[in-house]
Protein backbone atom coordinates (compact mmCIF):
# COMPACT_ATOMS: atom_id res chain seq x y z
CA MET A 1 -65.07 42.59 -23.57
CA SER A 2 -66.19 39.59 -21.50
CA PRO A 3 -64.50 38.71 -18.22
CA ASN A 4 -63.35 35.35 -19.59
CA PHE A 5 -61.72 37.06 -22.53
CA ARG A 6 -59.92 39.59 -20.26
CA ILE A 7 -58.61 36.82 -18.06
CA ALA A 8 -57.41 34.85 -21.11
CA LEU A 9 -55.47 37.95 -22.31
CA ARG A 10 -54.05 38.43 -18.84
CA PHE A 11 -52.74 34.86 -18.78
CA LEU A 12 -51.33 35.25 -22.30
CA THR A 13 -49.34 38.38 -21.40
CA ALA A 14 -47.66 36.38 -18.63
CA LYS A 15 -45.93 34.31 -21.30
CA ARG A 16 -45.36 36.88 -24.01
CA ARG A 17 -42.20 35.40 -25.46
CA SER A 18 -43.46 31.81 -25.64
CA MET A 19 -46.78 32.88 -27.14
CA PHE A 20 -45.04 35.13 -29.65
CA MET A 21 -42.94 32.18 -30.81
CA SER A 22 -46.06 30.06 -31.19
CA LEU A 23 -47.77 32.92 -33.04
CA ALA A 24 -44.80 33.32 -35.40
CA GLY A 25 -44.79 29.58 -36.10
CA ILE A 26 -48.47 29.63 -37.03
CA VAL A 27 -47.95 32.69 -39.28
CA PHE A 28 -45.07 31.07 -41.15
CA GLY A 29 -46.81 27.69 -41.28
CA VAL A 30 -50.02 29.09 -42.69
CA GLY A 31 -48.12 31.40 -45.08
CA PHE A 32 -45.84 28.75 -46.51
CA PHE A 33 -48.72 26.27 -46.78
CA ILE A 34 -50.49 28.79 -49.01
CA VAL A 35 -47.37 29.52 -51.10
CA THR A 36 -46.52 25.85 -51.72
CA GLN A 37 -50.10 24.99 -52.65
CA ALA A 38 -50.33 28.03 -54.95
CA GLN A 39 -47.18 26.95 -56.76
CA THR A 40 -47.97 23.25 -57.16
CA SER A 41 -51.58 23.93 -58.12
CA GLY A 42 -50.43 26.70 -60.46
CA PHE A 43 -48.00 24.46 -62.33
CA GLU A 44 -50.56 21.67 -62.50
CA GLU A 45 -53.24 24.03 -63.87
CA PHE A 46 -50.74 25.42 -66.41
CA PHE A 47 -49.86 21.89 -67.48
CA ILE A 48 -53.55 21.00 -67.94
CA LYS A 49 -54.19 24.12 -70.05
CA THR A 50 -51.14 23.30 -72.17
CA ILE A 51 -52.36 19.77 -72.78
CA LEU A 52 -55.94 20.87 -73.53
CA GLY A 53 -54.62 23.59 -75.85
CA THR A 54 -52.52 21.11 -77.73
CA ASN A 55 -54.26 17.70 -77.82
CA GLY A 56 -57.80 18.66 -76.83
CA ALA A 57 -59.99 17.34 -74.01
CA ILE A 58 -60.97 14.15 -75.85
CA ARG A 59 -59.44 12.19 -78.70
CA ILE A 60 -61.54 9.71 -80.71
CA GLU A 61 -59.64 7.10 -82.68
CA ASP A 62 -59.89 3.49 -83.83
CA GLY A 63 -63.22 1.84 -84.24
CA ILE A 64 -64.26 -0.87 -81.84
CA GLN A 65 -65.23 -4.23 -83.31
CA ASP A 66 -66.61 -6.71 -80.81
CA THR A 67 -66.27 -10.37 -81.58
CA LEU A 68 -68.21 -13.25 -80.11
CA LYS A 69 -66.83 -16.31 -78.40
CA SER A 70 -68.87 -19.48 -78.65
CA MET A 71 -69.21 -22.36 -76.21
CA SER A 72 -71.22 -25.54 -76.31
CA THR A 73 -72.90 -27.28 -73.42
CA ASP A 74 -75.23 -30.25 -73.46
CA GLY A 75 -75.06 -30.30 -77.22
CA SER A 76 -76.25 -26.69 -77.63
CA ASN A 77 -74.14 -23.74 -78.82
CA PHE A 78 -74.29 -20.18 -77.57
CA ALA A 79 -72.18 -17.08 -78.05
CA PHE A 80 -71.16 -14.36 -75.57
CA GLU A 81 -69.18 -11.11 -75.67
CA HIS A 82 -65.88 -10.85 -73.84
CA ARG A 83 -63.70 -7.76 -73.31
CA ASP A 84 -60.58 -9.69 -74.33
CA SER A 85 -62.15 -10.33 -77.68
CA VAL A 86 -62.50 -6.64 -78.60
CA ARG A 87 -60.66 -5.69 -81.77
CA TYR A 88 -59.71 -2.17 -82.85
CA VAL A 89 -60.02 -1.04 -86.44
CA GLU A 90 -57.27 1.58 -87.04
CA GLY A 91 -58.43 5.07 -87.83
CA ILE A 92 -61.86 6.54 -88.55
CA GLN A 93 -63.55 5.29 -91.70
CA GLU A 94 -66.34 7.83 -91.99
CA PRO A 95 -65.19 10.98 -90.20
CA ASP A 96 -68.05 13.19 -91.45
CA ARG A 97 -70.75 10.94 -89.99
CA LEU A 98 -68.81 10.58 -86.77
CA ARG A 99 -68.38 14.33 -86.48
CA ALA A 100 -72.07 14.82 -86.88
CA ALA A 101 -72.75 12.30 -84.15
CA VAL A 102 -70.19 13.76 -81.73
CA ALA A 103 -71.61 17.25 -82.29
CA GLN A 104 -74.90 16.04 -80.70
CA PHE A 105 -73.28 15.76 -77.27
CA GLU A 106 -74.15 18.89 -75.29
CA ASN A 107 -70.68 19.46 -73.72
CA VAL A 108 -68.86 19.49 -77.08
CA THR A 109 -67.68 22.95 -78.28
CA GLY A 110 -65.36 22.00 -81.14
CA ILE A 111 -64.34 19.07 -83.33
CA ALA A 112 -61.29 18.83 -85.59
CA GLU A 113 -60.57 16.03 -88.03
CA VAL A 114 -56.93 15.08 -88.21
CA VAL A 115 -54.97 12.94 -90.71
CA SER A 116 -51.58 11.96 -89.34
CA GLY A 117 -48.56 9.98 -90.55
CA ALA A 118 -44.80 9.63 -90.28
CA VAL A 119 -42.51 11.51 -92.68
CA LEU A 120 -38.85 12.20 -93.24
CA VAL A 121 -38.05 15.92 -93.27
CA ARG A 122 -35.09 17.14 -95.33
CA GLY A 123 -33.82 20.58 -94.50
CA SER A 124 -30.82 22.47 -95.87
CA ILE A 125 -28.57 21.15 -93.06
CA ARG A 126 -29.81 17.69 -92.12
CA SER A 127 -32.74 15.29 -92.18
CA ASP A 128 -34.97 14.14 -89.33
CA SER A 129 -38.10 12.12 -88.74
CA ALA A 130 -41.37 13.82 -87.85
CA ARG A 131 -45.17 13.42 -87.95
CA VAL A 132 -47.42 15.54 -90.09
CA PHE A 133 -50.89 16.50 -89.00
CA GLY A 134 -53.28 17.32 -91.80
CA VAL A 135 -55.88 19.77 -90.49
CA ASN A 136 -58.53 22.29 -91.37
CA ILE A 137 -57.14 25.33 -89.61
CA THR A 138 -60.60 26.76 -88.81
CA ASP A 139 -61.55 23.59 -86.98
CA LEU A 140 -58.17 23.30 -85.32
CA LEU A 141 -58.50 26.75 -83.77
CA LYS A 142 -61.71 25.58 -82.02
CA VAL A 143 -59.95 22.69 -80.24
CA SER A 144 -56.44 24.00 -79.61
CA ASP A 145 -54.42 27.12 -78.80
CA ILE A 146 -52.32 26.98 -81.97
CA GLY A 147 -53.10 30.62 -82.62
CA GLN A 148 -51.31 31.65 -79.41
CA GLN A 149 -48.53 29.06 -79.82
CA ILE A 150 -46.96 30.53 -82.94
CA VAL A 151 -43.63 32.21 -82.11
CA PHE A 152 -42.38 32.95 -85.63
CA GLY A 153 -44.46 33.71 -88.69
CA HIS A 154 -48.18 34.31 -88.96
CA LEU A 155 -51.26 32.07 -88.95
CA ASN A 156 -52.70 33.87 -91.98
CA ASP A 157 -49.68 32.84 -94.03
CA PHE A 158 -50.63 29.25 -93.37
CA ARG A 159 -54.27 29.91 -94.32
CA ILE A 160 -53.44 31.32 -97.79
CA ASN A 161 -50.54 29.02 -98.65
CA PRO A 162 -51.70 25.50 -99.61
CA THR A 163 -48.09 24.17 -99.59
CA GLY A 164 -47.11 25.87 -96.33
CA VAL A 165 -46.31 23.97 -93.17
CA MET A 166 -46.09 24.90 -89.52
CA VAL A 167 -43.14 23.27 -87.71
CA GLY A 168 -42.53 22.69 -83.98
CA ARG A 169 -39.82 24.90 -82.56
CA VAL A 170 -37.51 22.06 -81.40
CA LEU A 171 -37.76 20.37 -84.81
CA ALA A 172 -37.10 23.67 -86.58
CA SER A 173 -34.05 24.21 -84.38
CA ARG A 174 -32.67 20.75 -85.09
CA LEU A 175 -33.04 21.21 -88.81
CA GLY A 176 -31.92 24.86 -88.82
CA LEU A 177 -35.19 26.02 -90.28
CA ASN A 178 -36.56 29.57 -90.33
CA VAL A 179 -39.75 31.05 -91.64
CA GLY A 180 -39.61 31.05 -95.45
CA ASP A 181 -37.16 28.17 -95.75
CA PRO A 182 -37.95 25.34 -98.20
CA ILE A 183 -38.17 21.75 -96.96
CA THR A 184 -38.72 18.36 -98.55
CA LEU A 185 -41.00 15.72 -97.05
CA GLU A 186 -40.64 12.07 -97.89
CA ALA A 187 -43.53 9.69 -97.28
CA SER A 188 -45.11 6.71 -99.07
CA GLY A 189 -42.15 6.57 -101.48
CA GLN A 190 -42.61 10.08 -102.82
CA LEU A 191 -40.92 13.45 -102.30
CA ARG A 192 -42.87 16.72 -101.94
CA HIS A 193 -41.54 20.27 -101.62
CA TYR A 194 -43.01 22.72 -99.09
CA ARG A 195 -42.18 25.96 -97.38
CA VAL A 196 -42.08 26.82 -93.65
CA VAL A 197 -44.65 29.57 -92.99
CA ALA A 198 -44.70 29.47 -89.19
CA VAL A 199 -42.93 27.96 -86.19
CA PHE A 200 -44.98 27.07 -83.06
CA GLU A 201 -44.04 26.15 -79.51
CA THR A 202 -46.45 24.31 -77.19
CA GLY A 203 -43.87 23.85 -74.45
CA VAL A 204 -44.27 20.05 -74.60
CA SER A 205 -40.85 18.97 -75.87
CA GLU A 206 -42.12 15.75 -77.47
CA ILE A 207 -44.70 17.61 -79.50
CA ASP A 208 -42.36 20.46 -80.51
CA ARG A 209 -39.81 17.84 -81.49
CA GLN A 210 -42.00 15.79 -83.85
CA ARG A 211 -45.12 17.64 -84.95
CA MET A 212 -45.80 19.52 -88.16
CA TYR A 213 -49.11 20.94 -89.40
CA MET A 214 -50.17 21.08 -93.04
CA HIS A 215 -53.39 21.44 -94.94
CA MET A 216 -55.75 18.47 -94.95
CA GLN A 217 -55.90 17.84 -98.71
CA GLU A 218 -52.15 18.21 -99.13
CA CYS A 219 -51.57 15.78 -96.29
CA ARG A 220 -53.94 13.22 -97.77
CA SER A 221 -52.08 13.44 -101.03
CA LEU A 222 -48.65 13.12 -99.39
CA LEU A 223 -49.64 10.16 -97.20
CA GLN A 224 -51.86 8.63 -99.86
CA LYS A 225 -54.85 8.59 -97.54
CA PRO A 226 -57.69 9.88 -99.72
CA ASN A 227 -60.39 8.83 -97.26
CA GLY A 228 -60.91 8.54 -93.49
CA ALA A 229 -59.08 10.23 -90.67
CA SER A 230 -56.53 9.25 -88.05
CA PHE A 231 -58.50 10.72 -85.17
CA LEU A 232 -60.96 13.43 -84.09
CA GLN A 233 -59.78 16.05 -81.54
CA VAL A 234 -62.65 17.33 -79.37
CA ALA A 235 -62.96 20.36 -77.13
CA LEU A 236 -65.38 20.44 -74.20
CA ALA A 237 -67.07 23.27 -72.33
CA ASN A 238 -66.56 21.52 -69.04
CA ARG A 239 -63.22 19.70 -69.06
CA ASP A 240 -63.92 17.86 -65.78
CA ARG A 241 -66.74 15.95 -67.47
CA ALA A 242 -64.31 14.44 -69.98
CA PRO A 243 -64.22 10.91 -68.41
CA ALA A 244 -68.02 10.65 -68.26
CA ASP A 245 -68.43 12.08 -71.76
CA ALA A 246 -65.71 9.77 -73.10
CA GLU A 247 -67.42 6.73 -71.61
CA HIS A 248 -70.75 7.79 -73.03
CA MET A 249 -69.28 8.47 -76.49
CA GLN A 250 -67.42 5.15 -76.58
CA ARG A 251 -70.51 3.21 -75.60
CA THR A 252 -72.68 5.06 -78.10
CA LEU A 253 -70.33 5.47 -81.07
CA GLN A 254 -68.28 2.27 -80.75
CA TYR A 255 -64.97 4.11 -81.09
CA ALA A 256 -62.06 4.27 -78.69
CA VAL A 257 -62.39 7.56 -76.79
CA ASN A 258 -59.60 8.83 -74.59
CA PRO A 259 -60.16 11.79 -72.17
CA TRP A 260 -57.25 13.97 -71.19
CA GLN A 261 -57.27 12.61 -67.61
CA VAL A 262 -56.46 9.15 -68.93
CA ARG A 263 -53.90 10.31 -71.46
CA GLU A 264 -52.01 12.35 -68.87
CA LYS A 265 -52.64 10.15 -65.83
CA THR A 266 -48.97 9.74 -64.95
CA TRP A 267 -48.21 13.48 -64.84
CA LEU A 268 -51.43 14.29 -62.99
CA GLU A 269 -50.49 11.73 -60.32
CA VAL A 270 -47.02 13.35 -60.08
CA PHE A 271 -48.55 16.81 -59.51
CA ARG A 272 -50.99 15.38 -56.92
CA ALA A 273 -48.15 13.69 -55.04
CA LEU A 274 -46.15 16.92 -55.03
CA ARG A 275 -49.17 18.88 -53.75
CA VAL A 276 -49.80 16.44 -50.89
CA SER A 277 -46.09 16.12 -50.05
CA SER A 278 -45.58 19.86 -49.85
CA ALA A 279 -48.74 20.26 -47.69
CA LEU A 280 -47.53 17.58 -45.23
CA THR A 281 -44.02 19.04 -45.11
CA VAL A 282 -45.15 22.59 -44.42
CA SER A 283 -47.75 21.44 -41.94
CA THR A 284 -44.93 20.33 -39.63
CA ILE A 285 -44.21 23.98 -38.98
CA ILE A 286 -47.77 24.40 -37.66
CA LEU A 287 -47.45 21.15 -35.72
CA ILE A 288 -44.25 22.32 -33.98
CA SER A 289 -45.99 25.62 -33.13
CA GLY A 290 -48.87 23.65 -31.70
CA LEU A 291 -46.54 21.63 -29.51
CA GLY A 292 -44.93 24.88 -28.32
CA MET A 293 -48.37 26.26 -27.43
CA PHE A 294 -49.25 23.06 -25.58
CA ASN A 295 -46.11 23.41 -23.51
CA THR A 296 -46.79 27.10 -22.83
CA LEU A 297 -50.38 26.52 -21.78
CA ALA A 298 -49.37 23.60 -19.58
CA MET A 299 -46.85 25.87 -17.84
CA ILE A 300 -49.54 28.51 -17.33
CA VAL A 301 -51.78 25.92 -15.73
CA MET A 302 -49.01 24.96 -13.32
CA GLU A 303 -48.09 28.58 -12.51
CA LYS A 304 -51.67 29.85 -12.21
CA THR A 305 -53.15 27.18 -9.94
CA LYS A 306 -53.82 29.69 -7.19
CA GLU A 307 -55.52 32.10 -9.60
CA ILE A 308 -57.59 29.24 -10.98
CA SER A 309 -58.64 28.18 -7.42
CA ILE A 310 -59.60 31.76 -6.62
CA LEU A 311 -61.75 31.89 -9.79
CA ARG A 312 -63.36 28.60 -8.82
CA SER A 313 -64.11 29.85 -5.32
CA MET A 314 -65.69 33.01 -6.86
CA GLY A 315 -68.22 30.85 -8.69
CA TYR A 316 -66.47 30.08 -12.00
CA THR A 317 -67.48 26.63 -13.28
CA ARG A 318 -65.19 24.07 -14.81
CA GLN A 319 -66.61 25.01 -18.20
CA ASP A 320 -65.62 28.65 -17.56
CA ILE A 321 -62.05 27.69 -16.71
CA ALA A 322 -61.75 25.44 -19.73
CA ARG A 323 -63.19 28.22 -21.89
CA ILE A 324 -60.54 30.67 -20.63
CA PHE A 325 -57.67 28.42 -21.73
CA LEU A 326 -59.37 27.55 -25.03
CA LEU A 327 -59.74 31.29 -25.60
CA GLN A 328 -56.00 31.71 -25.23
CA GLY A 329 -55.49 29.18 -28.06
CA ALA A 330 -58.24 30.84 -30.14
CA ILE A 331 -56.66 34.28 -29.74
CA VAL A 332 -53.26 33.10 -30.91
CA LEU A 333 -54.86 31.00 -33.69
CA THR A 334 -56.91 33.92 -35.02
CA GLY A 335 -53.95 36.27 -35.06
CA GLY A 336 -51.75 33.64 -36.64
CA VAL A 337 -54.22 32.79 -39.35
CA ILE A 338 -54.92 36.38 -40.34
CA LEU A 339 -51.25 37.36 -40.37
CA GLY A 340 -50.46 34.04 -42.15
CA TRP A 341 -52.97 34.85 -44.88
CA ILE A 342 -51.36 38.23 -45.43
CA PHE A 343 -47.88 36.76 -45.37
CA GLY A 344 -48.90 33.93 -47.76
CA ALA A 345 -50.56 36.31 -50.20
CA THR A 346 -47.54 38.64 -50.22
CA VAL A 347 -45.00 35.86 -50.77
CA THR A 348 -47.19 34.23 -53.43
CA TYR A 349 -47.29 37.52 -55.36
CA MET A 350 -43.49 37.92 -55.03
CA VAL A 351 -42.89 34.34 -56.18
CA SER A 352 -45.13 34.85 -59.25
CA ARG A 353 -42.72 37.59 -60.36
CA LEU A 354 -39.62 35.44 -60.11
CA PRO A 355 -38.12 34.44 -63.50
CA ILE A 356 -37.65 30.74 -64.24
CA ARG A 357 -37.24 29.00 -67.59
CA ILE A 358 -39.00 25.64 -67.92
CA ARG A 359 -39.21 23.58 -71.08
CA GLY A 360 -40.38 19.97 -71.20
CA ILE A 361 -43.97 19.26 -70.22
CA PHE A 362 -44.92 22.91 -70.63
CA SER A 363 -43.26 26.25 -71.40
CA THR A 364 -42.99 29.14 -68.94
CA ASP A 365 -40.51 31.88 -68.14
CA SER A 366 -41.78 32.64 -64.64
CA PHE A 367 -43.28 30.86 -61.65
CA VAL A 368 -46.88 29.95 -62.14
CA VAL A 369 -49.22 30.34 -59.18
CA GLU A 370 -52.93 29.75 -58.70
CA TRP A 371 -54.93 32.15 -56.54
CA SER A 372 -57.52 29.97 -54.82
CA LEU A 373 -59.62 30.61 -51.74
CA TRP A 374 -59.39 26.90 -50.91
CA HIS A 375 -55.66 27.22 -50.21
CA TYR A 376 -56.38 29.79 -47.51
CA LEU A 377 -59.24 27.81 -46.02
CA ALA A 378 -57.17 24.59 -46.00
CA ALA A 379 -54.31 26.42 -44.22
CA ALA A 380 -56.67 27.83 -41.66
CA ALA A 381 -58.35 24.44 -41.09
CA THR A 382 -54.97 22.78 -40.55
CA ALA A 383 -53.88 25.44 -38.04
CA THR A 384 -57.25 25.22 -36.25
CA VAL A 385 -57.06 21.46 -35.79
CA VAL A 386 -53.45 21.57 -34.47
CA VAL A 387 -53.80 24.63 -32.20
CA MET A 388 -57.17 23.71 -30.67
CA ALA A 389 -56.00 20.15 -30.06
CA ALA A 390 -52.90 21.58 -28.33
CA SER A 391 -55.12 23.82 -26.21
CA PHE A 392 -57.63 21.18 -25.24
CA ILE A 393 -55.50 19.10 -22.85
CA PRO A 394 -54.20 22.05 -20.73
CA ALA A 395 -57.75 23.47 -20.69
CA ARG A 396 -59.12 20.18 -19.48
CA ARG A 397 -56.44 19.89 -16.81
CA ALA A 398 -57.12 23.44 -15.57
CA ALA A 399 -60.84 22.73 -15.44
CA ARG A 400 -60.27 19.68 -13.18
CA LEU A 401 -58.44 21.72 -10.50
CA GLU A 402 -60.35 21.97 -7.19
CA PRO A 403 -59.82 24.93 -4.84
CA GLY A 404 -59.51 22.60 -1.81
CA ASP A 405 -56.77 20.57 -3.49
CA VAL A 406 -54.82 23.73 -4.31
CA ILE A 407 -55.02 24.91 -0.67
CA ARG A 408 -53.93 21.51 0.65
CA GLY A 409 -51.21 21.31 -2.04
CA THR A 410 -52.55 18.04 -3.44
CA SER A 411 -53.59 19.28 -6.89
CA GLN A 412 -52.27 17.27 -9.85
């Protein structure tokens, strides 16, 4: 153990109670920083997985038809493209060719063709509006988590039953539907009879309230859409590349391409704001602890002026004195961060076991947390900045003390 370190410990023990309070503040600040970030990041990640498992990473819909605006000058005419002149052609006219083109992009892992339309659902109790999604179930499983979202019934029953439909849980509850119940769908002026073979729950209330899945050919017949598709749902290997891939696809394919970051921009901004807000709020605990340490170190400087002058007269340089006081802050900081990490990990685990029922933008029956090393590093970095900043001014003041001034009683 170096002499500077021993002296720093000696000074710390002179203010045990004050230093313990500062240490406790750092422990709780670091711990709660980790817990709040784990919760907000966990819920955000769970929301993203829910969205990707329901609507895919990218949705391709509506062809882009650029038009030209013409102008004349000096008797000559010329045409130019303008973004305001872009027109959208509803739906996808040649889905097979578009699928083949999309499959050429390296980040694409799955493509599902979807035919969608509004229908009126008649159950045994009441009627309600809904949207049917005609799909090929094999393709749908590649771009969604429908296999894990079924809460009643079985996916194989949908595979083998051409007139079977899968209904969202909220819609099924509103209509009083159970697996095996008959329903009537009205669309395009015709009535068709079907049977509920499964009930699914994505956790997104809007989807569970309106969506129904049925086989592609049956949906085409019901909606009288023998050709084309409403949109393509695309899954990606790297979801973070969705904006770049979407831009590339739109420019290449001349179709409107929407990545999940654009579709869910509002909710992502809400989660980001919550994460930043919670970090700032909890950081005040560390800040208050830093102020307490500043006050304690300042008092030590005032009370240990004679000891500091003796050290200076023994040959200690100003850098040595400053290092002693910075070591005091480093000792408390190191202990606080390590204990804070342990406290944060323990509380995060306990919180993950707490029951909670959330339905709306996702579905969960317990707190969702994300275990990330970055949360621990960010908490340590925040504590380091605050504590070392609080230690710097007293250390600088101690380093400026001169033995002669202390003897004469003129030290500041």
